[in-house]
């Protein structure tokens, strides 16, 4: 799990907006967003990729039955 930044793209119409994730590398280039210490606090049971470069931030565990 990696740390990330959350943001809302205000160029999208308000009714269609949602929280988006950005990796730490893209944050250095773009400089906006709210920091989330995912490496310590974790993420839910879902996959999470950077909305800019598509780097995997969190990959949920795959359980075999």
PDB file of N, CA and C in Angstrom:
ATOM      1  N   UNK A   1       0.845  -1.185   0.000  1.00  0.00           N
ATOM      2  CA  UNK A   1       0.000   0.000   0.000  1.00  0.00           C
ATOM      3  C   UNK A   1       0.883   1.239   0.000  1.00  0.00           C
ATOM      4  N   UNK A   2       0.465   2.202  -0.779  1.00  0.00           N
ATOM      5  CA  UNK A   2       1.205   3.450  -0.889  1.00  0.00           C
ATOM      6  C   UNK A   2       0.343   4.598  -0.369  1.00  0.00           C
ATOM      7  N   UNK A   3       0.994   5.695  -0.033  1.00  0.00           N
ATOM      8  CA  UNK A   3       0.263   6.910   0.319  1.00  0.00           C
ATOM      9  C   UNK A   3      -0.296   7.519  -0.961  1.00  0.00           C
ATOM     10  N   UNK A   4      -1.339   8.333  -0.822  1.00  0.00           N
ATOM     11  CA  UNK A   4      -1.897   8.987  -2.001  1.00  0.00           C
ATOM     12  C   UNK A   4      -2.484  10.344  -1.616  1.00  0.00           C
ATOM     13  N   UNK A   5      -3.003  11.004  -2.592  1.00  0.00           N
ATOM     14  CA  UNK A   5      -3.691  12.283  -2.409  1.00  0.00           C
ATOM     15  C   UNK A   5      -5.064  12.158  -3.057  1.00  0.00           C
ATOM     16  N   UNK A   6      -6.073  12.678  -2.398  1.00  0.00           N
ATOM     17  CA  UNK A   6      -7.439  12.681  -2.923  1.00  0.00           C
ATOM     18  C   UNK A   6      -7.754  14.078  -3.434  1.00  0.00           C
ATOM     19  N   UNK A   7      -8.539  14.149  -4.491  1.00  0.00           N
ATOM     20  CA  UNK A   7      -8.938  15.451  -5.032  1.00  0.00           C
ATOM     21  C   UNK A   7     -10.241  15.314  -5.802  1.00  0.00           C
ATOM     22  N   UNK A   8     -10.842  16.462  -6.094  1.00  0.00           N
ATOM     23  CA  UNK A   8     -12.049  16.537  -6.914  1.00  0.00           C
ATOM     24  C   UNK A   8     -11.719  17.416  -8.119  1.00  0.00           C
ATOM     25  N   UNK A   9     -11.986  16.919  -9.296  1.00  0.00           N
ATOM     26  CA  UNK A   9     -11.728  17.683 -10.522  1.00  0.00           C
ATOM     27  C   UNK A   9     -12.894  18.648 -10.740  1.00  0.00           C
ATOM     28  N   UNK A  10     -12.656  19.912 -10.468  1.00  0.00           N
ATOM     29  CA  UNK A  10     -13.720  20.909 -10.549  1.00  0.00           C
ATOM     30  C   UNK A  10     -14.048  21.327 -11.976  1.00  0.00           C
ATOM     31  N   UNK A  11     -13.329  20.793 -12.958  1.00  0.00           N
ATOM     32  CA  UNK A  11     -13.666  21.045 -14.356  1.00  0.00           C
ATOM     33  C   UNK A  11     -14.852  20.198 -14.806  1.00  0.00           C
ATOM     34  N   UNK A  12     -15.138  19.145 -14.051  1.00  0.00           N
ATOM     35  CA  UNK A  12     -16.265  18.250 -14.338  1.00  0.00           C
ATOM     36  C   UNK A  12     -17.523  18.878 -13.752  1.00  0.00           C
ATOM     37  N   UNK A  13     -18.676  18.773 -14.429  1.00  0.00           N
ATOM     38  CA  UNK A  13     -19.918  19.320 -13.865  1.00  0.00           C
ATOM     39  C   UNK A  13     -20.167  18.773 -12.457  1.00  0.00           C
ATOM     40  N   UNK A  14     -20.668  19.614 -11.571  1.00  0.00           N
ATOM     41  CA  UNK A  14     -20.826  19.265 -10.158  1.00  0.00           C
ATOM     42  C   UNK A  14     -21.601  17.969  -9.943  1.00  0.00           C
ATOM     43  N   UNK A  15     -22.632  17.729 -10.700  1.00  0.00           N
ATOM     44  CA  UNK A  15     -23.446  16.521 -10.528  1.00  0.00           C
ATOM     45  C   UNK A  15     -22.670  15.247 -10.865  1.00  0.00           C
ATOM     46  N   UNK A  16     -21.586  15.362 -11.610  1.00  0.00           N
ATOM     47  CA  UNK A  16     -20.798  14.200 -12.034  1.00  0.00           C
ATOM     48  C   UNK A  16     -19.492  14.047 -11.269  1.00  0.00           C
ATOM     49  N   UNK A  17     -19.179  14.945 -10.372  1.00  0.00           N
ATOM     50  CA  UNK A  17     -17.911  14.918  -9.640  1.00  0.00           C
ATOM     51  C   UNK A  17     -17.851  13.760  -8.662  1.00  0.00           C
ATOM     52  N   UNK A  18     -16.627  13.272  -8.456  1.00  0.00           N
ATOM     53  CA  UNK A  18     -16.357  12.238  -7.462  1.00  0.00           C
ATOM     54  C   UNK A  18     -14.930  12.404  -6.969  1.00  0.00           C
ATOM     55  N   UNK A  19     -14.634  11.779  -5.845  1.00  0.00           N
ATOM     56  CA  UNK A  19     -13.271  11.815  -5.322  1.00  0.00           C
ATOM     57  C   UNK A  19     -12.383  10.977  -6.228  1.00  0.00           C
ATOM     58  N   UNK A  20     -11.198  11.517  -6.504  1.00  0.00           N
ATOM     59  CA  UNK A  20     -10.236  10.822  -7.344  1.00  0.00           C
ATOM     60  C   UNK A  20      -8.919  10.713  -6.591  1.00  0.00           C
ATOM     61  N   UNK A  21      -8.155   9.678  -6.880  1.00  0.00           N
ATOM     62  CA  UNK A  21      -6.870   9.447  -6.218  1.00  0.00           C
ATOM     63  C   UNK A  21      -5.721   9.847  -7.129  1.00  0.00           C
ATOM     64  N   UNK A  22      -4.649  10.312  -6.500  1.00  0.00           N
ATOM     65  CA  UNK A  22      -3.434  10.685  -7.217  1.00  0.00           C
ATOM     66  C   UNK A  22      -2.240  10.114  -6.450  1.00  0.00           C
ATOM     67  N   UNK A  23      -1.296   9.517  -7.167  1.00  0.00           N
ATOM     68  CA  UNK A  23      -0.106   8.975  -6.514  1.00  0.00           C
ATOM     69  C   UNK A  23       0.809  10.112  -6.056  1.00  0.00           C
ATOM     70  N   UNK A  24       1.743   9.796  -5.181  1.00  0.00           N
ATOM     71  CA  UNK A  24       2.661  10.801  -4.640  1.00  0.00           C
ATOM     72  C   UNK A  24       3.554  11.396  -5.733  1.00  0.00           C
ATOM     73  N   UNK A  25       3.936  10.604  -6.726  1.00  0.00           N
ATOM     74  CA  UNK A  25       4.786  11.108  -7.810  1.00  0.00           C
ATOM     75  C   UNK A  25       4.048  12.172  -8.627  1.00  0.00           C
ATOM     76  N   UNK A  26       2.788  11.924  -8.974  1.00  0.00           N
ATOM     77  CA  UNK A  26       2.009  12.912  -9.725  1.00  0.00           C
ATOM     78  C   UNK A  26       1.735  14.147  -8.872  1.00  0.00           C
ATOM     79  N   UNK A  27       1.584  13.945  -7.564  1.00  0.00           N
ATOM     80  CA  UNK A  27       1.350  15.089  -6.680  1.00  0.00           C
ATOM     81  C   UNK A  27       2.530  16.052  -6.715  1.00  0.00           C
ATOM     82  N   UNK A  28       3.741  15.524  -6.830  1.00  0.00           N
ATOM     83  CA  UNK A  28       4.921  16.388  -6.900  1.00  0.00           C
ATOM     84  C   UNK A  28       4.850  17.294  -8.128  1.00  0.00           C
ATOM     85  N   UNK A  29       4.280  16.810  -9.207  1.00  0.00           N
ATOM     86  CA  UNK A  29       4.157  17.597 -10.437  1.00  0.00           C
ATOM     87  C   UNK A  29       2.972  18.553 -10.411  1.00  0.00           C
ATOM     88  N   UNK A  30       1.868  18.105  -9.803  1.00  0.00           N
ATOM     89  CA  UNK A  30       0.620  18.871  -9.861  1.00  0.00           C
ATOM     90  C   UNK A  30       0.363  19.705  -8.604  1.00  0.00           C
ATOM     91  N   UNK A  31       0.788  19.222  -7.434  1.00  0.00           N
ATOM     92  CA  UNK A  31       0.749  20.007  -6.204  1.00  0.00           C
ATOM     93  C   UNK A  31      -0.593  20.299  -5.577  1.00  0.00           C
ATOM     94  N   UNK A  32      -1.604  19.486  -5.813  1.00  0.00           N
ATOM     95  CA  UNK A  32      -2.887  19.710  -5.155  1.00  0.00           C
ATOM     96  C   UNK A  32      -3.411  18.394  -4.591  1.00  0.00           C
ATOM     97  N   UNK A  33      -4.423  18.455  -3.762  1.00  0.00           N
ATOM     98  CA  UNK A  33      -5.033  17.260  -3.187  1.00  0.00           C
ATOM     99  C   UNK A  33      -4.817  17.176  -1.687  1.00  0.00           C
ATOM    100  N   UNK A  34      -5.586  16.288  -1.077  1.00  0.00           N
ATOM    101  CA  UNK A  34      -5.530  16.051   0.363  1.00  0.00           C
ATOM    102  C   UNK A  34      -4.765  14.761   0.607  1.00  0.00           C
ATOM    103  N   UNK A  35      -3.756  14.820   1.451  1.00  0.00           N
ATOM    104  CA  UNK A  35      -2.889  13.678   1.728  1.00  0.00           C
ATOM    105  C   UNK A  35      -3.637  12.593   2.490  1.00  0.00           C
ATOM    106  N   UNK A  36      -3.419  11.326   2.084  1.00  0.00           N
ATOM    107  CA  UNK A  36      -3.942  10.170   2.796  1.00  0.00           C
ATOM    108  C   UNK A  36      -2.789   9.212   3.039  1.00  0.00           C
ATOM    109  N   UNK A  37      -2.532   8.927   4.321  1.00  0.00           N
ATOM    110  CA  UNK A  37      -1.429   8.038   4.687  1.00  0.00           C
ATOM    111  C   UNK A  37      -1.894   6.584   4.581  1.00  0.00           C
ATOM    112  N   UNK A  38      -2.106   6.164   3.351  1.00  0.00           N
ATOM    113  CA  UNK A  38      -2.588   4.810   3.084  1.00  0.00           C
ATOM    114  C   UNK A  38      -1.634   3.728   3.536  1.00  0.00           C
ATOM    115  N   UNK A  39      -0.343   4.017   3.574  1.00  0.00           N
ATOM    116  CA  UNK A  39       0.635   3.022   4.017  1.00  0.00           C
ATOM    117  C   UNK A  39       0.424   2.638   5.478  1.00  0.00           C
ATOM    118  N   UNK A  40      -0.139   3.539   6.271  1.00  0.00           N
ATOM    119  CA  UNK A  40      -0.397   3.263   7.685  1.00  0.00           C
ATOM    120  C   UNK A  40      -1.882   3.018   7.957  1.00  0.00           C
ATOM    121  N   UNK A  41      -2.743   3.773   7.282  1.00  0.00           N
ATOM    122  CA  UNK A  41      -4.183   3.700   7.554  1.00  0.00           C
ATOM    123  C   UNK A  41      -4.921   2.702   6.678  1.00  0.00           C
ATOM    124  N   UNK A  42      -4.331   2.348   5.551  1.00  0.00           N
ATOM    125  CA  UNK A  42      -4.919   1.362   4.661  1.00  0.00           C
ATOM    126  C   UNK A  42      -6.002   1.921   3.752  1.00  0.00           C
ATOM    127  N   UNK A  43      -6.615   1.004   3.018  1.00  0.00           N
ATOM    128  CA  UNK A  43      -7.677   1.311   2.065  1.00  0.00           C
ATOM    129  C   UNK A  43      -8.756   0.248   2.219  1.00  0.00           C
ATOM    130  N   UNK A  44      -9.872   0.449   1.592  1.00  0.00           N
ATOM    131  CA  UNK A  44     -10.951  -0.531   1.632  1.00  0.00           C
ATOM    132  C   UNK A  44     -10.647  -1.729   0.745  1.00  0.00           C
ATOM    133  N   UNK A  45     -11.634  -2.560   0.565  1.00  0.00           N
ATOM    134  CA  UNK A  45     -11.495  -3.772  -0.229  1.00  0.00           C
ATOM    135  C   UNK A  45     -11.781  -3.473  -1.701  1.00  0.00           C
ATOM    136  N   UNK A  46     -10.905  -2.687  -2.292  1.00  0.00           N
ATOM    137  CA  UNK A  46     -11.036  -2.345  -3.708  1.00  0.00           C
ATOM    138  C   UNK A  46      -9.667  -1.970  -4.264  1.00  0.00           C
ATOM    139  N   UNK A  47      -9.539  -2.023  -5.573  1.00  0.00           N
ATOM    140  CA  UNK A  47      -8.305  -1.626  -6.236  1.00  0.00           C
ATOM    141  C   UNK A  47      -8.314  -0.113  -6.406  1.00  0.00           C
ATOM    142  N   UNK A  48      -7.160   0.506  -6.281  1.00  0.00           N
ATOM    143  CA  UNK A  48      -7.055   1.957  -6.406  1.00  0.00           C
ATOM    144  C   UNK A  48      -5.860   2.306  -7.285  1.00  0.00           C
ATOM    145  N   UNK A  49      -6.126   3.056  -8.354  1.00  0.00           N
ATOM    146  CA  UNK A  49      -5.071   3.504  -9.262  1.00  0.00           C
ATOM    147  C   UNK A  49      -5.063   5.020  -9.313  1.00  0.00           C
ATOM    148  N   UNK A  50      -3.906   5.584  -9.623  1.00  0.00           N
ATOM    149  CA  UNK A  50      -3.780   7.017  -9.821  1.00  0.00           C
ATOM    150  C   UNK A  50      -4.626   7.413 -11.026  1.00  0.00           C
ATOM    151  N   UNK A  51      -5.451   8.430 -10.866  1.00  0.00           N
ATOM    152  CA  UNK A  51      -6.321   8.860 -11.955  1.00  0.00           C
ATOM    153  C   UNK A  51      -5.562   9.603 -13.050  1.00  0.00           C
ATOM    154  N   UNK A  52      -4.289   9.926 -12.810  1.00  0.00           N
ATOM    155  CA  UNK A  52      -3.496  10.654 -13.800  1.00  0.00           C
ATOM    156  C   UNK A  52      -2.594   9.698 -14.588  1.00  0.00           C
ATOM    157  N   UNK A  53      -1.763   8.916 -13.893  1.00  0.00           N
ATOM    158  CA  UNK A  53      -0.816   8.030 -14.582  1.00  0.00           C
ATOM    159  C   UNK A  53      -1.199   6.552 -14.526  1.00  0.00           C
ATOM    160  N   UNK A  54      -2.231   6.220 -13.789  1.00  0.00           N
ATOM    161  CA  UNK A  54      -2.761   4.859 -13.637  1.00  0.00           C
ATOM    162  C   UNK A  54      -1.821   3.901 -12.899  1.00  0.00           C
ATOM    163  N   UNK A  55      -0.875   4.439 -12.134  1.00  0.00           N
ATOM    164  CA  UNK A  55      -0.041   3.610 -11.267  1.00  0.00           C
ATOM    165  C   UNK A  55      -0.916   2.994 -10.183  1.00  0.00           C
ATOM    166  N   UNK A  56      -0.681   1.733  -9.854  1.00  0.00           N
ATOM    167  CA  UNK A  56      -1.436   1.077  -8.799  1.00  0.00           C
ATOM    168  C   UNK A  56      -1.013   1.640  -7.445  1.00  0.00           C
ATOM    169  N   UNK A  57      -1.983   2.144  -6.698  1.00  0.00           N
ATOM    170  CA  UNK A  57      -1.750   2.657  -5.350  1.00  0.00           C
ATOM    171  C   UNK A  57      -2.055   1.567  -4.338  1.00  0.00           C
ATOM    172  N   UNK A  58      -3.127   0.823  -4.586  1.00  0.00           N
ATOM    173  CA  UNK A  58      -3.518  -0.279  -3.705  1.00  0.00           C
ATOM    174  C   UNK A  58      -4.158  -1.378  -4.530  1.00  0.00           C
ATOM    175  N   UNK A  59      -3.711  -2.604  -4.290  1.00  0.00           N
ATOM    176  CA  UNK A  59      -4.286  -3.786  -4.941  1.00  0.00           C
ATOM    177  C   UNK A  59      -4.874  -4.647  -3.841  1.00  0.00           C
ATOM    178  N   UNK A  60      -6.168  -4.874  -3.900  1.00  0.00           N
ATOM    179  CA  UNK A  60      -6.788  -5.701  -2.848  1.00  0.00           C
ATOM    180  C   UNK A  60      -6.253  -7.123  -2.920  1.00  0.00           C
ATOM    181  N   UNK A  61      -6.301  -7.781  -1.803  1.00  0.00           N
ATOM    182  CA  UNK A  61      -5.809  -9.149  -1.732  1.00  0.00           C
ATOM    183  C   UNK A  61      -6.790 -10.071  -2.433  1.00  0.00           C
ATOM    184  N   UNK A  62      -6.244 -11.007  -3.170  1.00  0.00           N
ATOM    185  CA  UNK A  62      -7.064 -12.007  -3.860  1.00  0.00           C
ATOM    186  C   UNK A  62      -7.116 -13.251  -2.981  1.00  0.00           C
ATOM    187  N   UNK A  63      -8.314 -13.677  -2.646  1.00  0.00           N
ATOM    188  CA  UNK A  63      -8.495 -14.873  -1.825  1.00  0.00           C
ATOM    189  C   UNK A  63      -8.920 -16.024  -2.712  1.00  0.00           C
ATOM    190  N   UNK A  64      -8.270 -17.151  -2.521  1.00  0.00           N
ATOM    191  CA  UNK A  64      -8.648 -18.344  -3.270  1.00  0.00           C
ATOM    192  C   UNK A  64      -9.566 -19.188  -2.409  1.00  0.00           C
ATOM    193  N   UNK A  65     -10.616 -19.703  -3.026  1.00  0.00           N
ATOM    194  CA  UNK A  65     -11.563 -20.563  -2.289  1.00  0.00           C
ATOM    195  C   UNK A  65     -11.141 -21.991  -2.323  1.00  0.00           C
TER     196      UNK A  65
END
